Protein backbone atom coordinates (compact mmCIF):
# COMPACT_ATOMS: atom_id res chain seq x y z
CA MET A 1 -13.19 13.89 -10.29
CA THR A 2 -9.59 12.79 -9.83
CA ARG A 3 -9.14 11.34 -6.36
CA THR A 4 -5.96 10.14 -4.70
CA VAL A 5 -5.32 8.26 -1.47
CA GLU A 6 -4.46 11.55 0.19
CA HIS A 7 -7.77 13.07 -0.98
CA PHE A 8 -9.85 10.37 0.66
CA LEU A 9 -7.83 10.38 3.86
CA SER A 10 -8.22 14.16 4.17
CA LEU A 11 -12.00 13.79 4.32
CA SER A 12 -12.98 13.97 7.98
CA ASN A 13 -16.70 14.78 7.88
CA ALA A 14 -17.78 13.48 4.48
CA GLU A 15 -21.49 12.64 4.48
CA ASN A 16 -21.01 9.04 3.29
CA LEU A 17 -17.71 8.26 5.03
CA SER A 18 -18.19 5.92 8.00
CA THR A 19 -14.60 5.04 8.98
CA LYS A 20 -11.13 5.68 7.66
CA MET A 21 -7.64 4.51 8.51
CA ASN A 22 -4.34 5.90 7.28
CA LEU A 23 -1.75 3.18 6.65
CA GLY A 24 0.84 5.69 5.46
CA ALA A 25 2.85 6.14 2.26
CA GLY A 26 0.03 6.11 -0.29
CA CYS A 27 -2.18 3.56 1.46
CA GLY A 28 -5.49 3.95 3.25
CA VAL A 29 -8.73 2.17 4.12
CA ALA A 30 -12.19 3.73 4.19
CA ILE A 31 -15.67 2.35 4.84
CA TRP A 32 -18.41 4.10 2.88
CA GLU A 33 -22.20 4.08 2.93
CA ASN A 34 -24.25 5.55 0.13
CA LYS A 35 -27.62 5.54 -1.65
CA ASN A 36 -29.40 7.44 -4.44
CA ASP A 37 -26.23 8.82 -6.02
CA HIS A 38 -24.35 9.06 -9.31
CA VAL A 39 -20.55 8.90 -9.05
CA ARG A 40 -17.81 9.24 -11.64
CA TYR A 41 -14.08 8.69 -11.14
CA ASP A 42 -11.84 10.29 -13.75
CA ALA A 43 -8.51 8.44 -14.01
CA PRO A 44 -7.78 8.24 -10.26
CA HIS A 45 -4.10 8.05 -9.38
CA ASN A 46 -4.50 5.11 -7.00
CA ASN A 47 -5.47 1.45 -7.34
CA THR A 48 -8.73 0.73 -5.53
CA PHE A 49 -9.88 -2.60 -4.09
CA SER A 50 -13.51 -2.72 -2.89
CA LEU A 51 -15.63 -5.24 -1.00
CA TYR A 52 -19.39 -4.86 -0.57
CA LEU A 53 -20.08 -5.50 3.11
CA LYS A 54 -23.86 -4.94 2.95
CA GLY A 55 -26.17 -4.40 0.00
CA GLY A 56 -24.88 -3.61 -3.47
CA THR A 57 -27.81 -4.90 -5.53
CA GLY A 58 -28.76 -1.31 -6.30
CA THR A 59 -25.27 -0.37 -7.50
CA ARG A 60 -24.45 -0.55 -11.20
CA ARG A 61 -21.37 0.36 -13.16
CA LEU A 62 -22.77 2.23 -16.14
CA ASP A 63 -19.69 2.06 -18.36
CA ALA A 64 -19.10 -1.71 -18.00
CA GLY A 65 -22.24 -3.63 -18.89
CA LYS A 66 -24.44 -2.27 -16.09
CA ALA A 67 -23.91 -5.34 -13.89
CA SER A 68 -25.13 -5.01 -10.29
CA GLY A 69 -23.33 -5.69 -7.03
CA TRP A 70 -24.10 -8.00 -4.13
CA PRO A 71 -22.84 -8.57 -0.57
CA GLY A 72 -19.36 -10.11 -0.85
CA ALA A 73 -18.71 -8.80 -4.36
CA VAL A 74 -15.21 -7.49 -5.11
CA CYS A 75 -14.29 -4.65 -7.46
CA ILE A 76 -10.73 -3.84 -8.52
CA MET A 77 -10.01 -0.56 -10.29
CA PRO A 78 -6.38 -0.22 -11.47
CA ALA A 79 -4.83 3.23 -11.30
CA GLY A 80 -5.89 5.45 -14.18
CA GLN A 81 -9.12 3.52 -14.81
CA SER A 82 -12.13 5.83 -15.12
CA SER A 83 -15.55 4.56 -14.11
CA GLU A 84 -19.17 5.70 -13.70
CA TRP A 85 -21.61 4.34 -11.13
CA GLU A 86 -25.34 4.57 -10.45
CA ILE A 87 -26.52 3.90 -6.88
CA THR A 88 -30.21 3.39 -6.07
CA LYS A 89 -30.20 1.35 -2.84
CA ARG A 90 -28.23 1.80 0.36
CA PHE A 91 -25.03 -0.18 0.59
CA ARG A 92 -21.88 -0.33 2.71
CA PHE A 93 -18.45 -1.21 1.41
CA VAL A 94 -14.78 -0.99 2.25
CA HIS A 95 -12.27 0.67 -0.06
CA LEU A 96 -8.54 0.00 0.02
CA TYR A 97 -6.59 2.73 -1.74
CA LEU A 98 -3.03 1.96 -2.86
CA SER A 99 -0.75 4.21 -4.86
CA ASP A 100 0.81 2.36 -7.78
CA GLU A 101 4.29 2.73 -6.29
CA LYS A 102 3.14 1.33 -2.96
CA LEU A 103 1.34 -1.59 -4.59
CA ARG A 104 4.20 -2.56 -6.88
CA SER A 105 6.89 -2.24 -4.25
CA MET A 106 4.87 -4.38 -1.82
CA PHE A 107 4.19 -6.95 -4.55
CA ALA A 108 7.89 -7.17 -5.46
CA GLU A 109 8.81 -7.66 -1.81
CA ALA A 110 6.04 -10.16 -1.02
CA HIS A 111 6.68 -12.35 -4.06
CA ASP A 112 10.44 -11.75 -4.29
CA CYS A 113 10.10 -10.87 -7.96
CA ASP A 114 10.26 -8.03 -10.45
CA ALA A 115 7.54 -5.44 -9.78
CA ARG A 116 6.60 -5.50 -13.46
CA ARG A 117 5.23 -9.01 -13.04
CA LEU A 118 2.22 -7.71 -11.14
CA ASP A 119 -0.96 -8.67 -12.95
CA LEU A 120 -3.87 -6.49 -11.77
CA PRO A 121 -6.81 -6.83 -14.17
CA GLU A 122 -9.93 -4.78 -13.60
CA ALA A 123 -12.75 -6.65 -11.84
CA ASN A 124 -16.43 -5.69 -11.54
CA PHE A 125 -18.58 -7.40 -8.88
CA ALA A 126 -16.39 -10.50 -8.91
CA ASP A 127 -16.24 -13.53 -6.61
CA LYS A 128 -12.63 -13.40 -5.36
CA PRO A 129 -12.31 -14.95 -1.88
CA HIS A 130 -8.52 -14.38 -1.79
CA VAL A 131 -9.22 -10.64 -2.09
CA ALA A 132 -12.50 -10.50 -0.19
CA GLN A 133 -11.18 -12.06 3.02
CA PRO A 134 -8.26 -9.62 3.51
CA LEU A 135 -10.55 -6.70 2.65
CA ALA A 136 -13.04 -7.87 5.28
CA GLU A 137 -10.17 -8.05 7.77
CA LEU A 138 -9.11 -4.53 6.79
CA ALA A 139 -12.65 -3.34 7.45
CA HIS A 140 -12.58 -4.87 10.94
CA ALA A 141 -9.14 -3.34 11.55
CA ALA A 142 -10.33 0.10 10.49
CA MET A 143 -13.41 -0.08 12.70
CA SER A 144 -11.31 -1.07 15.71
CA ASN A 145 -8.39 1.20 14.75
CA ASN A 146 -6.05 -1.79 14.95
CA LEU A 147 -2.99 -0.93 12.89
CA LEU A 148 -1.23 -4.27 13.38
CA HIS A 149 -4.36 -6.14 12.25
CA ALA A 150 -4.52 -3.90 9.17
CA GLU A 151 -0.86 -4.44 8.29
CA GLY A 152 -1.34 -8.21 8.48
CA ALA A 153 -4.46 -8.12 6.30
CA LEU A 154 -2.72 -5.92 3.74
CA THR A 155 0.19 -8.36 3.61
CA ASP A 156 -2.25 -11.23 3.01
CA LEU A 157 -3.97 -9.35 0.20
CA ILE A 158 -0.72 -8.52 -1.61
CA GLY A 159 0.49 -12.07 -1.13
CA GLY A 160 -2.63 -13.37 -2.87
CA LEU A 161 -2.17 -11.29 -6.01
CA SER A 162 -0.85 -13.04 -9.09
CA GLY A 163 1.99 -12.23 -11.44
CA ARG A 164 2.35 -12.46 -15.19
CA GLN A 165 4.89 -14.85 -16.69
CA THR A 166 6.12 -12.64 -19.52
CA ARG A 167 9.71 -12.01 -20.55
CA LEU A 168 11.03 -8.80 -19.04
CA LEU A 169 13.75 -6.64 -20.56
CA GLY A 170 16.10 -4.48 -18.54
CA GLY A 171 16.17 -4.29 -14.78
CA LEU A 172 18.77 -5.81 -12.46
CA ALA A 173 20.08 -9.36 -12.39
CA PRO A 174 19.07 -11.26 -9.23
CA HIS A 175 22.64 -11.57 -7.97
CA ILE A 176 23.18 -7.81 -8.31
CA LEU A 177 19.92 -7.04 -6.56
CA CYS A 178 20.90 -9.41 -3.75
CA ARG A 179 24.26 -7.65 -3.45
CA VAL A 180 22.54 -4.28 -3.19
CA GLU A 181 20.04 -5.53 -0.60
CA ASP A 182 22.83 -7.03 1.53
CA PHE A 183 24.81 -3.79 1.36
CA VAL A 184 21.81 -1.72 2.44
CA GLU A 185 21.01 -4.09 5.31
CA ALA A 186 24.59 -3.88 6.55
CA HIS A 187 24.77 -0.08 6.30
CA LEU A 188 21.29 1.07 7.38
CA ALA A 189 22.76 2.96 10.33
CA SER A 190 25.01 4.95 7.97
CA THR A 191 24.44 7.37 5.12
CA ILE A 192 23.90 5.46 1.88
CA GLN A 193 24.60 7.25 -1.38
CA LEU A 194 23.19 6.39 -4.80
CA SER A 195 26.78 6.22 -6.02
CA ASP A 196 27.49 3.41 -3.51
CA LEU A 197 24.68 1.29 -4.92
CA ALA A 198 25.47 2.08 -8.56
CA LEU A 199 29.06 0.98 -7.97
CA LEU A 200 27.86 -2.38 -6.68
CA ALA A 201 25.97 -2.87 -9.94
CA ASN A 202 28.76 -1.43 -12.09
CA MET A 203 26.31 1.07 -13.60
CA SER A 204 25.99 4.82 -13.85
CA GLU A 205 23.86 6.38 -11.14
CA PHE A 206 21.20 7.36 -13.69
CA HIS A 207 20.98 3.88 -15.21
CA PHE A 208 20.98 2.15 -11.83
CA HIS A 209 18.18 4.40 -10.57
CA ARG A 210 16.00 3.54 -13.58
CA MET A 211 16.68 -0.19 -13.48
CA PHE A 212 16.16 -0.43 -9.71
CA ARG A 213 12.81 1.31 -9.98
CA LEU A 214 11.67 -1.09 -12.69
CA VAL A 215 12.45 -4.13 -10.54
CA GLN A 216 11.45 -2.91 -7.07
CA GLY A 217 8.53 -0.69 -8.03
CA CYS A 218 9.99 2.35 -6.26
CA PRO A 219 13.19 4.42 -6.47
CA PRO A 220 16.23 3.48 -4.35
CA HIS A 221 15.76 6.23 -1.76
CA ALA A 222 12.14 5.18 -1.13
CA TRP A 223 13.14 1.53 -0.83
CA ILE A 224 15.91 2.35 1.65
CA THR A 225 13.45 4.41 3.68
CA LYS A 226 11.14 1.38 3.83
CA GLN A 227 14.02 -0.73 5.13
CA ARG A 228 14.84 1.85 7.81
CA VAL A 229 11.21 1.91 8.95
CA ARG A 230 11.09 -1.90 8.90
CA ARG A 231 14.11 -2.03 11.22
CA ALA A 232 12.57 0.66 13.42
CA LYS A 233 9.45 -1.49 13.81
CA GLN A 234 11.63 -4.36 14.99
CA LEU A 235 13.54 -2.18 17.47
CA LEU A 236 10.34 -0.66 18.84
CA ARG A 237 9.52 -4.05 20.32
CA SER A 238 12.24 -3.32 22.88
CA ASP A 239 12.38 -0.52 25.43
CA ALA A 240 15.34 1.19 23.72
CA PRO A 241 15.06 5.01 23.78
CA LEU A 242 13.66 6.45 20.57
CA VAL A 243 16.83 8.44 19.99
CA GLU A 244 18.80 5.16 19.92
CA VAL A 245 16.28 3.61 17.54
CA ALA A 246 16.71 6.62 15.26
CA VAL A 247 20.50 6.29 15.21
CA ASP A 248 20.45 2.52 14.66
CA CYS A 249 18.13 2.96 11.67
CA GLY A 250 20.10 5.74 10.01
CA PHE A 251 17.86 8.69 10.85
CA SER A 252 19.55 11.98 11.63
CA SER A 253 17.52 12.58 14.79
CA GLN A 254 14.54 11.38 16.80
CA SER A 255 12.36 14.01 15.13
CA HIS A 256 13.51 12.76 11.71
CA LEU A 257 12.54 9.22 12.70
CA THR A 258 9.15 10.43 13.95
CA ARG A 259 8.38 12.37 10.78
CA VAL A 260 9.34 9.59 8.37
CA PHE A 261 7.78 6.83 10.48
CA ARG A 262 4.45 8.69 10.58
CA GLU A 263 4.57 9.24 6.82
CA GLN A 264 5.15 5.52 6.25
CA THR A 265 2.75 4.05 8.81
CA GLY A 266 0.28 6.76 9.75
CA ARG A 267 1.48 6.54 13.39
CA THR A 268 4.36 7.98 15.41
CA PRO A 269 7.00 5.55 16.76
CA ALA A 270 5.64 6.05 20.30
CA GLN A 271 2.10 5.24 19.15
CA TYR A 272 3.31 2.19 17.23
CA ARG A 273 5.29 0.94 20.24
CA LYS A 274 2.19 1.30 22.41
CA LEU A 275 0.20 -0.82 19.93
CA LEU A 276 2.91 -3.48 19.97
CA TRP A 277 2.99 -3.65 23.75
CA GLU A 278 -0.81 -3.72 24.01
CA ALA A 279 -0.86 -6.69 21.63
CA LEU A 280 1.43 -8.76 23.89
């Protein structure tokens, strides 16, 4: 079966699903329990990070040496990687689902590098504390429905991933990328056209779009949307009316802000503001 982040997050009464949490924009956390089952994943569209919270000794991956799991074991399945599993004993684990665009764009931002440098090898029942600890924190965040806790844990996980030191061809020179980022930051409250950004790089719109996506892991419009939502998160710490927040971040209306913010974070701006104030 081909399963995406959206597929898992749409499951509300699945027999083995204990808890789920939508982190927006191709990202979600789910805690599963299972026993006496046979599961196959056919080239899923998302990257999956897993941590066995309890049990796992009765779980084997049939297409990769039939090794068994254990409490604390980490599995990493890159997007497109098929796998087949046999489960004989009850276990409980947390899954983090990340679309490839989400993962690469977060990696590029966290490490201030080209998204193509991400090195995400497959892992089966591995001892990886730098992955296990953030996943455990994500499990706690999901169980307590603490979005801010989850965002922090996700940031820690991405920050702990490594990059490959290979020569990369194409993309954007660092000084051009910096020029583009500064322009976007200065004009977030205004309409930003692809032609504006291409002109900064002295490229055609088509070529700039392709090169930007290589470096940042997502297309320009998606990256700009992330920056608008980031600014909105900052402004939501104040008591400014939501309509003012929308205008200051370049959204056409409060409803536009609400729709995009919910898509990106899984919460409305009002809900997010409430979480911020409760955390104070």
